[in-house]
C-alpha atoms as a PDB file:
ATOM      1  CA  MET A   1      95.483 126.967  56.178  1.00  0.00           C
ATOM      2  CA  PRO A   2      92.704 128.939  55.085  1.00  0.00           C
ATOM      3  CA  ALA A   3      92.924 132.760  54.573  1.00  0.00           C
ATOM      4  CA  PRO A   4      91.423 134.361  57.626  1.00  0.00           C
ATOM      5  CA  THR A   5      88.003 136.007  57.011  1.00  0.00           C
ATOM      6  CA  LEU A   6      86.383 139.233  57.883  1.00  0.00           C
ATOM      7  CA  LYS A   7      82.387 139.034  58.330  1.00  0.00           C
ATOM      8  CA  ALA A   8      80.572 140.498  55.146  1.00  0.00           C
ATOM      9  CA  ALA A   9      77.922 142.107  56.924  1.00  0.00           C
ATOM     10  CA  ALA A  10      79.858 145.334  56.930  1.00  0.00           C
ATOM     11  CA  PHE A  11      79.296 145.035  53.252  1.00  0.00           C
ATOM     12  CA  GLY A  12      75.491 144.228  53.314  1.00  0.00           C
ATOM     13  CA  GLN A  13      75.898 140.412  52.439  1.00  0.00           C
ATOM     14  CA  SER A  14      75.847 137.324  54.122  1.00  0.00           C
ATOM     15  CA  GLY A  15      78.693 135.210  54.902  1.00  0.00           C
ATOM     16  CA  ALA A  16      82.251 135.497  54.877  1.00  0.00           C
ATOM     17  CA  VAL A  17      85.083 137.249  52.691  1.00  0.00           C
ATOM     18  CA  PRO A  18      88.391 136.429  52.759  1.00  0.00           C
ATOM     19  CA  VAL A  19      90.921 138.883  53.584  1.00  0.00           C
ATOM     20  CA  PHE A  20      94.116 138.698  51.870  1.00  0.00           C
ATOM     21  CA  ALA A  21      96.919 140.620  53.559  1.00  0.00           C
ATOM     22  CA  MET A  22     100.491 141.316  51.930  1.00  0.00           C
ATOM     23  CA  TYR A  23     103.912 142.623  53.384  1.00  0.00           C
ATOM     24  CA  VAL A  24     105.471 145.443  52.019  1.00  0.00           C
ATOM     25  CA  VAL A  25     109.197 145.874  52.366  1.00  0.00           C
ATOM     26  CA  GLU A  26     109.908 149.138  51.630  1.00  0.00           C
ATOM     27  CA  LEU A  27     113.375 150.349  50.973  1.00  0.00           C
ATOM     28  CA  SER A  28     114.436 154.544  50.984  1.00  0.00           C
ATOM     29  CA  LEU A  29     117.543 154.927  48.485  1.00  0.00           C
ATOM     30  CA  ARG A  30     120.063 157.982  49.143  1.00  0.00           C
ATOM     31  CA  LEU A  31     118.853 160.878  46.780  1.00  0.00           C
ATOM     32  CA  THR A  32     115.799 159.435  45.565  1.00  0.00           C
ATOM     33  CA  ALA A  33     112.061 160.609  46.607  1.00  0.00           C
ATOM     34  CA  MET A  34     110.371 157.280  45.518  1.00  0.00           C
ATOM     35  CA  PRO A  35     111.047 154.362  47.770  1.00  0.00           C
ATOM     36  CA  VAL A  36     111.449 150.738  46.278  1.00  0.00           C
ATOM     37  CA  ALA A  37     108.887 148.404  47.462  1.00  0.00           C
ATOM     38  CA  VAL A  38     108.390 144.888  47.340  1.00  0.00           C
ATOM     39  CA  GLN A  39     105.526 142.704  48.164  1.00  0.00           C
ATOM     40  CA  ARG A  40     105.570 139.339  50.137  1.00  0.00           C
ATOM     41  CA  LYS A  41     102.653 137.038  50.480  1.00  0.00           C
ATOM     42  CA  ASP A  42     103.641 135.716  54.183  1.00  0.00           C
ATOM     43  CA  LEU A  43     104.900 137.844  57.431  1.00  0.00           C
ATOM     44  CA  ALA A  44     107.694 135.265  57.532  1.00  0.00           C
ATOM     45  CA  ALA A  45     109.161 136.073  54.025  1.00  0.00           C
ATOM     46  CA  ALA A  46     108.842 139.654  54.436  1.00  0.00           C
ATOM     47  CA  GLN A  47     110.470 139.439  57.985  1.00  0.00           C
ATOM     48  CA  SER A  48     113.576 137.469  56.126  1.00  0.00           C
ATOM     49  CA  LEU A  49     113.962 139.520  53.401  1.00  0.00           C
ATOM     50  CA  TYR A  50     114.033 142.700  56.095  1.00  0.00           C
ATOM     51  CA  GLN A  51     116.513 140.914  58.111  1.00  0.00           C
ATOM     52  CA  ASP A  52     118.979 140.118  54.846  1.00  0.00           C
ATOM     53  CA  LEU A  53     118.774 143.607  53.769  1.00  0.00           C
ATOM     54  CA  ARG A  54     119.454 144.810  57.291  1.00  0.00           C
ATOM     55  CA  GLN A  55     122.743 142.615  57.311  1.00  0.00           C
ATOM     56  CA  ALA A  56     123.765 143.610  54.090  1.00  0.00           C
ATOM     57  CA  MET A  57     123.381 147.569  55.496  1.00  0.00           C
ATOM     58  CA  GLU A  58     125.585 146.623  58.486  1.00  0.00           C
ATOM     59  CA  ALA A  59     128.220 144.899  56.231  1.00  0.00           C
ATOM     60  CA  GLY A  60     129.458 148.258  55.662  1.00  0.00           C
ATOM     61  CA  HIS A  61     130.882 147.322  52.095  1.00  0.00           C
ATOM     62  CA  PRO A  62     129.350 147.980  48.502  1.00  0.00           C
ATOM     63  CA  LYS A  63     127.161 145.023  47.835  1.00  0.00           C
ATOM     64  CA  LEU A  64     124.786 144.263  45.063  1.00  0.00           C
ATOM     65  CA  LEU A  65     121.409 142.856  46.169  1.00  0.00           C
ATOM     66  CA  GLU A  66     119.067 141.888  43.526  1.00  0.00           C
ATOM     67  CA  LEU A  67     115.129 141.875  44.867  1.00  0.00           C
ATOM     68  CA  THR A  68     112.938 139.834  43.023  1.00  0.00           C
ATOM     69  CA  CYS A  69     108.892 139.520  42.597  1.00  0.00           C
ATOM     70  CA  GLU A  70     107.399 136.214  44.049  1.00  0.00           C
ATOM     71  CA  LYS A  71     104.354 136.586  41.392  1.00  0.00           C
ATOM     72  CA  ASP A  72     106.875 136.821  38.283  1.00  0.00           C
ATOM     73  CA  GLU A  73     110.207 135.929  38.890  1.00  0.00           C
ATOM     74  CA  HIS A  74     111.588 137.849  35.426  1.00  0.00           C
ATOM     75  CA  LYS A  75     111.029 141.018  37.487  1.00  0.00           C
ATOM     76  CA  ARG A  76     114.359 141.764  39.278  1.00  0.00           C
ATOM     77  CA  ILE A  77     115.882 144.742  40.407  1.00  0.00           C
ATOM     78  CA  SER A  78     119.492 145.300  41.691  1.00  0.00           C
ATOM     79  CA  LEU A  79     120.992 147.788  44.178  1.00  0.00           C
ATOM     80  CA  LEU A  80     123.956 148.812  46.091  1.00  0.00           C
ATOM     81  CA  CYS A  81     123.227 147.986  49.786  1.00  0.00           C
ATOM     82  CA  THR A  82     125.323 151.159  50.922  1.00  0.00           C
ATOM     83  CA  GLU A  83     122.568 153.369  48.777  1.00  0.00           C
ATOM     84  CA  VAL A  84     119.621 151.825  50.960  1.00  0.00           C
ATOM     85  CA  VAL A  85     119.168 154.454  54.163  1.00  0.00           C
ATOM     86  CA  ALA A  86     115.951 153.006  55.509  1.00  0.00           C
ATOM     87  CA  ILE A  87     113.858 149.796  55.273  1.00  0.00           C
ATOM     88  CA  GLN A  88     110.225 149.381  56.952  1.00  0.00           C
ATOM     89  CA  ILE A  89     108.208 146.395  56.752  1.00  0.00           C
ATOM     90  CA  TYR A  90     104.243 147.054  56.652  1.00  0.00           C
ATOM     91  CA  GLU A  91     101.204 145.180  56.056  1.00  0.00           C
ATOM     92  CA  LYS A  92      99.004 145.848  52.893  1.00  0.00           C
ATOM     93  CA  SER A  93      95.324 144.593  53.231  1.00  0.00           C
ATOM     94  CA  ALA A  94      93.311 143.874  50.208  1.00  0.00           C
ATOM     95  CA  ILE A  95      90.125 146.071  52.232  1.00  0.00           C
ATOM     96  CA  GLY A  96      92.161 148.922  51.651  1.00  0.00           C
ATOM     97  CA  ALA A  97      91.491 151.268  54.379  1.00  0.00           C
ATOM     98  CA  SER A  98      91.759 148.704  57.246  1.00  0.00           C
ATOM     99  CA  GLY A  99      95.661 148.031  56.333  1.00  0.00           C
ATOM    100  CA  LYS A 100      98.085 149.709  58.617  1.00  0.00           C
ATOM    101  CA  ARG A 101      99.697 152.887  57.777  1.00  0.00           C
ATOM    102  CA  PRO A 102     103.342 152.590  56.835  1.00  0.00           C
ATOM    103  CA  GLY A 103     106.221 154.294  59.161  1.00  0.00           C
ATOM    104  CA  PHE A 104     105.311 155.336  63.144  1.00  0.00           C
ATOM    105  CA  SER A 105     102.367 157.174  64.297  1.00  0.00           C
ATOM    106  CA  LEU A 106     100.883 157.937  67.455  1.00  0.00           C
ATOM    107  CA  ASP A 107      97.248 156.704  66.315  1.00  0.00           C
ATOM    108  CA  GLY A 108      98.273 153.429  67.079  1.00  0.00           C
END
């Protein structure tokens, strides 16, 4: 399926520019200021990862989670699910400012 396109008139060019969206699953860890973020190419994969993480948190017992990078499967991180305090999904667009802000806001 071809990538969705955005008219390039906004960029002063004719034709269409592909818009590539990535989905970020971000984990907040207990007593850690910086979140851990994992990107997925499609929404279904991000939602599946979110559900897996949520189920691990609900289990309530120490369980080691391993997250991998889609692009480079040698990149891995392992963490205890009991240390995850929040999970969120948001869309990260290649167009920069047009992406949705993470978290919740009244701006829409």
